[in-house]
Amino acid sequence: MTVPAPTHHILSVLVENKFGVLTRIAGLFARRGFNIYSLAVSPTEDERFSRMTIVVDVESTSLEQVTKQLNKLIPVIKIVELSPADATERELMLVTVKATPESRSQITELTSIFEAKIEDVGFDAMTIMAAGRPDQLDAMTDLLEPFGIVELQRTGRIALPRLVRRTVRLQAVRGRSA
């Protein structure tokens, strides 16, 4: 019998916006020996609640166990696993790249292609801010590497479920034009 390989799972966890909730949830993952790959937490439209977007690398069976244990925690209101196909995901990236006078125009063009923004310019470097899907930021990073990445930092992934009505409406519009 083969053991299933760990994969990234995105959990959207609605919790009470109270002191210590993050510690309790992170502790649950730590006790299980699961590494949190990405984490973003912020209040929702209702200040009484926060939404945690947790990306974790685990097997599906282990994820079920963690989800059941999370549901037992008092401050947890709702847990939804989001598949990339059914979610809108974004990350923010800040990257400082070496920039010679000769390479600045190429870096600026690359920044434009990814709809990113040059945030700071120094004598021999530029800092760029980009927001997008994780795969888009990976591609941008790959293209910036030949220039020389000095520093790079990415936020935790945020995600919301796609709107079913919107998806159906877009499919209907596409169907009419075909």
C-alpha atoms as a PDB file:
ATOM      1  CA  MET A   1       0.000   0.000   0.000  1.00  0.00           C
ATOM      2  CA  THR A   2       1.408   3.394  -0.983  1.00  0.00           C
ATOM      3  CA  VAL A   3       1.190   6.448   1.215  1.00  0.00           C
ATOM      4  CA  PRO A   4      -0.367   9.500  -0.476  1.00  0.00           C
ATOM      5  CA  ALA A   5       2.047  12.358  -1.040  1.00  0.00           C
ATOM      6  CA  PRO A   6       1.553  15.579   0.915  1.00  0.00           C
ATOM      7  CA  THR A   7       0.126  18.438  -1.122  1.00  0.00           C
ATOM      8  CA  HIS A   8      -0.783  22.056  -0.500  1.00  0.00           C
ATOM      9  CA  HIS A   9      -4.242  22.490   0.957  1.00  0.00           C
ATOM     10  CA  ILE A  10      -5.844  25.901   1.443  1.00  0.00           C
ATOM     11  CA  LEU A  11      -8.037  26.280   4.518  1.00  0.00           C
ATOM     12  CA  SER A  12     -10.228  29.323   5.045  1.00  0.00           C
ATOM     13  CA  VAL A  13     -10.974  29.426   8.770  1.00  0.00           C
ATOM     14  CA  LEU A  14     -13.455  31.910  10.224  1.00  0.00           C
ATOM     15  CA  VAL A  15     -12.674  32.512  13.898  1.00  0.00           C
ATOM     16  CA  GLU A  16     -13.656  34.824  16.718  1.00  0.00           C
ATOM     17  CA  ASN A  17     -11.444  37.916  16.676  1.00  0.00           C
ATOM     18  CA  LYS A  18     -10.024  37.362  20.159  1.00  0.00           C
ATOM     19  CA  PHE A  19      -6.674  37.258  21.919  1.00  0.00           C
ATOM     20  CA  GLY A  20      -4.861  33.897  21.699  1.00  0.00           C
ATOM     21  CA  VAL A  21      -6.875  32.328  18.855  1.00  0.00           C
ATOM     22  CA  LEU A  22      -3.905  32.318  16.463  1.00  0.00           C
ATOM     23  CA  THR A  23      -1.713  30.676  19.106  1.00  0.00           C
ATOM     24  CA  ARG A  24      -4.271  27.931  19.745  1.00  0.00           C
ATOM     25  CA  ILE A  25      -4.697  27.138  16.056  1.00  0.00           C
ATOM     26  CA  ALA A  26      -0.963  27.262  15.263  1.00  0.00           C
ATOM     27  CA  GLY A  27      -0.364  25.054  18.310  1.00  0.00           C
ATOM     28  CA  LEU A  28      -2.779  22.454  16.982  1.00  0.00           C
ATOM     29  CA  PHE A  29      -0.803  22.245  13.730  1.00  0.00           C
ATOM     30  CA  ALA A  30       2.503  22.119  15.627  1.00  0.00           C
ATOM     31  CA  ARG A  31       1.321  19.299  17.920  1.00  0.00           C
ATOM     32  CA  ARG A  32       0.382  17.291  14.830  1.00  0.00           C
ATOM     33  CA  GLY A  33       3.791  17.964  13.282  1.00  0.00           C
ATOM     34  CA  PHE A  34       2.374  19.881  10.309  1.00  0.00           C
ATOM     35  CA  ASN A  35       4.267  22.794   8.831  1.00  0.00           C
ATOM     36  CA  ILE A  36       2.184  25.841   7.983  1.00  0.00           C
ATOM     37  CA  TYR A  37       3.433  26.827   4.530  1.00  0.00           C
ATOM     38  CA  SER A  38       1.612  30.175   4.444  1.00  0.00           C
ATOM     39  CA  LEU A  39      -0.591  32.069   6.891  1.00  0.00           C
ATOM     40  CA  ALA A  40      -2.591  35.273   6.594  1.00  0.00           C
ATOM     41  CA  VAL A  41      -4.976  36.586   9.240  1.00  0.00           C
ATOM     42  CA  SER A  42      -7.103  39.718   9.332  1.00  0.00           C
ATOM     43  CA  PRO A  43     -10.465  40.933  10.590  1.00  0.00           C
ATOM     44  CA  THR A  44     -13.429  40.382   8.268  1.00  0.00           C
ATOM     45  CA  GLU A  45     -16.135  42.845   7.308  1.00  0.00           C
ATOM     46  CA  ASP A  46     -17.537  42.110  10.797  1.00  0.00           C
ATOM     47  CA  GLU A  47     -14.888  43.132  13.374  1.00  0.00           C
ATOM     48  CA  ARG A  48     -16.012  40.350  15.745  1.00  0.00           C
ATOM     49  CA  PHE A  49     -14.468  37.776  13.385  1.00  0.00           C
ATOM     50  CA  SER A  50     -11.150  37.166  11.651  1.00  0.00           C
ATOM     51  CA  ARG A  51     -10.460  35.037   8.606  1.00  0.00           C
ATOM     52  CA  MET A  52      -7.355  32.881   8.595  1.00  0.00           C
ATOM     53  CA  THR A  53      -6.077  31.577   5.278  1.00  0.00           C
ATOM     54  CA  ILE A  54      -3.802  28.658   6.094  1.00  0.00           C
ATOM     55  CA  VAL A  55      -1.826  26.815   3.427  1.00  0.00           C
ATOM     56  CA  VAL A  56      -0.511  23.545   4.791  1.00  0.00           C
ATOM     57  CA  ASP A  57       1.416  20.640   3.250  1.00  0.00           C
ATOM     58  CA  VAL A  58      -0.311  17.449   4.454  1.00  0.00           C
ATOM     59  CA  GLU A  59      -1.883  14.245   3.211  1.00  0.00           C
ATOM     60  CA  SER A  60      -5.652  14.415   2.715  1.00  0.00           C
ATOM     61  CA  THR A  61      -6.325  11.926   5.527  1.00  0.00           C
ATOM     62  CA  SER A  62      -4.259  13.964   7.974  1.00  0.00           C
ATOM     63  CA  LEU A  63      -6.025  17.133   6.856  1.00  0.00           C
ATOM     64  CA  GLU A  64      -9.370  15.579   7.783  1.00  0.00           C
ATOM     65  CA  GLN A  65      -8.065  14.870  11.299  1.00  0.00           C
ATOM     66  CA  VAL A  66      -6.814  18.444  11.722  1.00  0.00           C
ATOM     67  CA  THR A  67     -10.084  19.869  10.398  1.00  0.00           C
ATOM     68  CA  LYS A  68     -12.078  17.800  12.893  1.00  0.00           C
ATOM     69  CA  GLN A  69      -9.848  19.001  15.739  1.00  0.00           C
ATOM     70  CA  LEU A  70     -10.071  22.630  14.568  1.00  0.00           C
ATOM     71  CA  ASN A  71     -13.864  22.368  14.577  1.00  0.00           C
ATOM     72  CA  LYS A  72     -13.717  21.385  18.262  1.00  0.00           C
ATOM     73  CA  LEU A  73     -11.977  24.643  19.212  1.00  0.00           C
ATOM     74  CA  ILE A  74     -14.462  27.144  20.644  1.00  0.00           C
ATOM     75  CA  PRO A  75     -13.251  30.210  18.702  1.00  0.00           C
ATOM     76  CA  VAL A  76     -13.554  28.418  15.311  1.00  0.00           C
ATOM     77  CA  ILE A  77     -16.806  29.326  13.538  1.00  0.00           C
ATOM     78  CA  LYS A  78     -16.359  27.724  10.102  1.00  0.00           C
ATOM     79  CA  ILE A  79     -13.700  25.887   8.074  1.00  0.00           C
ATOM     80  CA  VAL A  80     -13.725  25.609   4.298  1.00  0.00           C
ATOM     81  CA  GLU A  81     -11.079  23.866   2.191  1.00  0.00           C
ATOM     82  CA  LEU A  82     -10.580  25.854  -0.991  1.00  0.00           C
ATOM     83  CA  SER A  83      -9.312  24.212  -4.152  1.00  0.00           C
ATOM     84  CA  PRO A  84      -7.329  26.522  -6.454  1.00  0.00           C
ATOM     85  CA  ALA A  85      -9.932  25.988  -9.202  1.00  0.00           C
ATOM     86  CA  ASP A  86     -12.740  27.170  -6.909  1.00  0.00           C
ATOM     87  CA  ALA A  87     -10.958  30.090  -5.252  1.00  0.00           C
ATOM     88  CA  THR A  88      -9.495  33.476  -5.998  1.00  0.00           C
ATOM     89  CA  GLU A  89      -5.995  33.491  -4.472  1.00  0.00           C
ATOM     90  CA  ARG A  90      -3.500  36.321  -4.172  1.00  0.00           C
ATOM     91  CA  GLU A  91      -0.133  37.061  -2.567  1.00  0.00           C
ATOM     92  CA  LEU A  92       1.896  40.232  -2.271  1.00  0.00           C
ATOM     93  CA  MET A  93       5.622  40.258  -3.040  1.00  0.00           C
ATOM     94  CA  LEU A  94       8.335  42.827  -2.432  1.00  0.00           C
ATOM     95  CA  VAL A  95      11.588  42.142  -4.251  1.00  0.00           C
ATOM     96  CA  THR A  96      14.793  44.166  -4.468  1.00  0.00           C
ATOM     97  CA  VAL A  97      16.781  43.409  -7.588  1.00  0.00           C
ATOM     98  CA  LYS A  98      20.185  44.640  -8.759  1.00  0.00           C
ATOM     99  CA  ALA A  99      19.737  47.269 -11.452  1.00  0.00           C
ATOM    100  CA  THR A 100      22.502  48.714 -13.579  1.00  0.00           C
ATOM    101  CA  PRO A 101      21.799  51.679 -15.858  1.00  0.00           C
ATOM    102  CA  GLU A 102      21.771  49.169 -18.728  1.00  0.00           C
ATOM    103  CA  SER A 103      19.271  46.781 -17.094  1.00  0.00           C
ATOM    104  CA  ARG A 104      16.786  49.323 -15.679  1.00  0.00           C
ATOM    105  CA  SER A 105      14.647  49.489 -18.825  1.00  0.00           C
ATOM    106  CA  GLN A 106      14.399  45.673 -18.997  1.00  0.00           C
ATOM    107  CA  ILE A 107      13.397  45.487 -15.328  1.00  0.00           C
ATOM    108  CA  THR A 108      10.851  48.283 -15.826  1.00  0.00           C
ATOM    109  CA  GLU A 109       9.368  46.448 -18.832  1.00  0.00           C
ATOM    110  CA  LEU A 110       9.173  43.194 -16.867  1.00  0.00           C
ATOM    111  CA  THR A 111       7.496  45.058 -14.007  1.00  0.00           C
ATOM    112  CA  SER A 112       4.922  46.414 -16.448  1.00  0.00           C
ATOM    113  CA  ILE A 113       4.187  42.984 -17.954  1.00  0.00           C
ATOM    114  CA  PHE A 114       3.289  41.645 -14.498  1.00  0.00           C
ATOM    115  CA  GLU A 115       1.326  44.816 -13.644  1.00  0.00           C
ATOM    116  CA  ALA A 116       3.704  45.362 -10.740  1.00  0.00           C
ATOM    117  CA  LYS A 117       4.963  48.683  -9.394  1.00  0.00           C
ATOM    118  CA  ILE A 118       8.437  50.074  -8.812  1.00  0.00           C
ATOM    119  CA  GLU A 119       8.364  51.191  -5.170  1.00  0.00           C
ATOM    120  CA  ASP A 120      11.945  52.392  -4.679  1.00  0.00           C
ATOM    121  CA  VAL A 121      14.981  53.103  -6.830  1.00  0.00           C
ATOM    122  CA  GLY A 122      18.549  53.275  -5.605  1.00  0.00           C
ATOM    123  CA  PHE A 123      21.880  53.785  -7.323  1.00  0.00           C
ATOM    124  CA  ASP A 124      22.334  50.073  -8.071  1.00  0.00           C
ATOM    125  CA  ALA A 125      18.993  48.433  -7.173  1.00  0.00           C
ATOM    126  CA  MET A 126      15.213  48.682  -7.532  1.00  0.00           C
ATOM    127  CA  THR A 127      12.442  47.480  -5.215  1.00  0.00           C
ATOM    128  CA  ILE A 128       9.335  46.134  -6.904  1.00  0.00           C
ATOM    129  CA  MET A 129       5.905  45.386  -5.445  1.00  0.00           C
ATOM    130  CA  ALA A 130       3.756  42.773  -7.166  1.00  0.00           C
ATOM    131  CA  ALA A 131       0.418  41.229  -6.295  1.00  0.00           C
ATOM    132  CA  GLY A 132      -0.965  38.162  -8.004  1.00  0.00           C
ATOM    133  CA  ARG A 133      -1.552  34.447  -7.985  1.00  0.00           C
ATOM    134  CA  PRO A 134       1.291  32.420  -6.484  1.00  0.00           C
ATOM    135  CA  ASP A 135       2.215  30.977  -9.905  1.00  0.00           C
ATOM    136  CA  GLN A 136       2.445  34.486 -11.391  1.00  0.00           C
ATOM    137  CA  LEU A 137       4.779  35.641  -8.627  1.00  0.00           C
ATOM    138  CA  ASP A 138       6.878  32.494  -9.095  1.00  0.00           C
ATOM    139  CA  ALA A 139       7.194  33.296 -12.817  1.00  0.00           C
ATOM    140  CA  MET A 140       8.155  36.907 -12.112  1.00  0.00           C
ATOM    141  CA  THR A 141      10.778  35.770  -9.593  1.00  0.00           C
ATOM    142  CA  ASP A 142      12.247  33.366 -12.172  1.00  0.00           C
ATOM    143  CA  LEU A 143      12.521  36.185 -14.720  1.00  0.00           C
ATOM    144  CA  LEU A 144      14.114  38.582 -12.208  1.00  0.00           C
ATOM    145  CA  GLU A 145      16.747  36.083 -11.003  1.00  0.00           C
ATOM    146  CA  PRO A 146      19.209  36.739 -13.869  1.00  0.00           C
ATOM    147  CA  PHE A 147      19.410  40.402 -12.771  1.00  0.00           C
ATOM    148  CA  GLY A 148      20.307  39.343  -9.220  1.00  0.00           C
ATOM    149  CA  ILE A 149      17.751  39.257  -6.439  1.00  0.00           C
ATOM    150  CA  VAL A 150      19.056  41.078  -3.357  1.00  0.00           C
ATOM    151  CA  GLU A 151      16.027  40.504  -1.088  1.00  0.00           C
ATOM    152  CA  LEU A 152      12.616  38.957  -1.524  1.00  0.00           C
ATOM    153  CA  GLN A 153       9.618  38.661   0.770  1.00  0.00           C
ATOM    154  CA  ARG A 154       6.109  37.364   0.111  1.00  0.00           C
ATOM    155  CA  THR A 155       3.024  37.607   2.253  1.00  0.00           C
ATOM    156  CA  GLY A 156       0.857  34.705   3.219  1.00  0.00           C
ATOM    157  CA  ARG A 157      -1.665  33.681   0.609  1.00  0.00           C
ATOM    158  CA  ILE A 158      -5.183  35.044   0.889  1.00  0.00           C
ATOM    159  CA  ALA A 159      -8.132  33.339  -0.771  1.00  0.00           C
ATOM    160  CA  LEU A 160     -11.898  33.549  -1.068  1.00  0.00           C
ATOM    161  CA  PRO A 161     -14.277  31.100  -2.731  1.00  0.00           C
ATOM    162  CA  ARG A 162     -15.265  31.974  -6.270  1.00  0.00           C
ATOM    163  CA  LEU A 163     -18.775  33.295  -6.703  1.00  0.00           C
ATOM    164  CA  VAL A 164     -20.935  30.574  -8.255  1.00  0.00           C
ATOM    165  CA  ARG A 165     -23.368  33.012  -9.840  1.00  0.00           C
ATOM    166  CA  ARG A 166     -20.502  34.934 -11.394  1.00  0.00           C
ATOM    167  CA  THR A 167     -18.945  31.748 -12.800  1.00  0.00           C
ATOM    168  CA  VAL A 168     -22.266  30.609 -14.278  1.00  0.00           C
ATOM    169  CA  ARG A 169     -22.881  34.076 -15.758  1.00  0.00           C
ATOM    170  CA  LEU A 170     -19.410  34.148 -17.364  1.00  0.00           C
ATOM    171  CA  GLN A 171     -19.942  30.686 -18.848  1.00  0.00           C
ATOM    172  CA  ALA A 172     -23.289  31.796 -20.277  1.00  0.00           C
ATOM    173  CA  VAL A 173     -21.720  34.892 -21.867  1.00  0.00           C
ATOM    174  CA  ARG A 174     -18.900  32.827 -23.354  1.00  0.00           C
ATOM    175  CA  GLY A 175     -21.422  30.292 -24.684  1.00  0.00           C
ATOM    176  CA  ARG A 176     -23.371  32.997 -26.569  1.00  0.00           C
ATOM    177  CA  SER A 177     -20.299  34.379 -28.311  1.00  0.00           C
ATOM    178  CA  ALA A 178     -19.145  30.962 -29.556  1.00  0.00           C
END
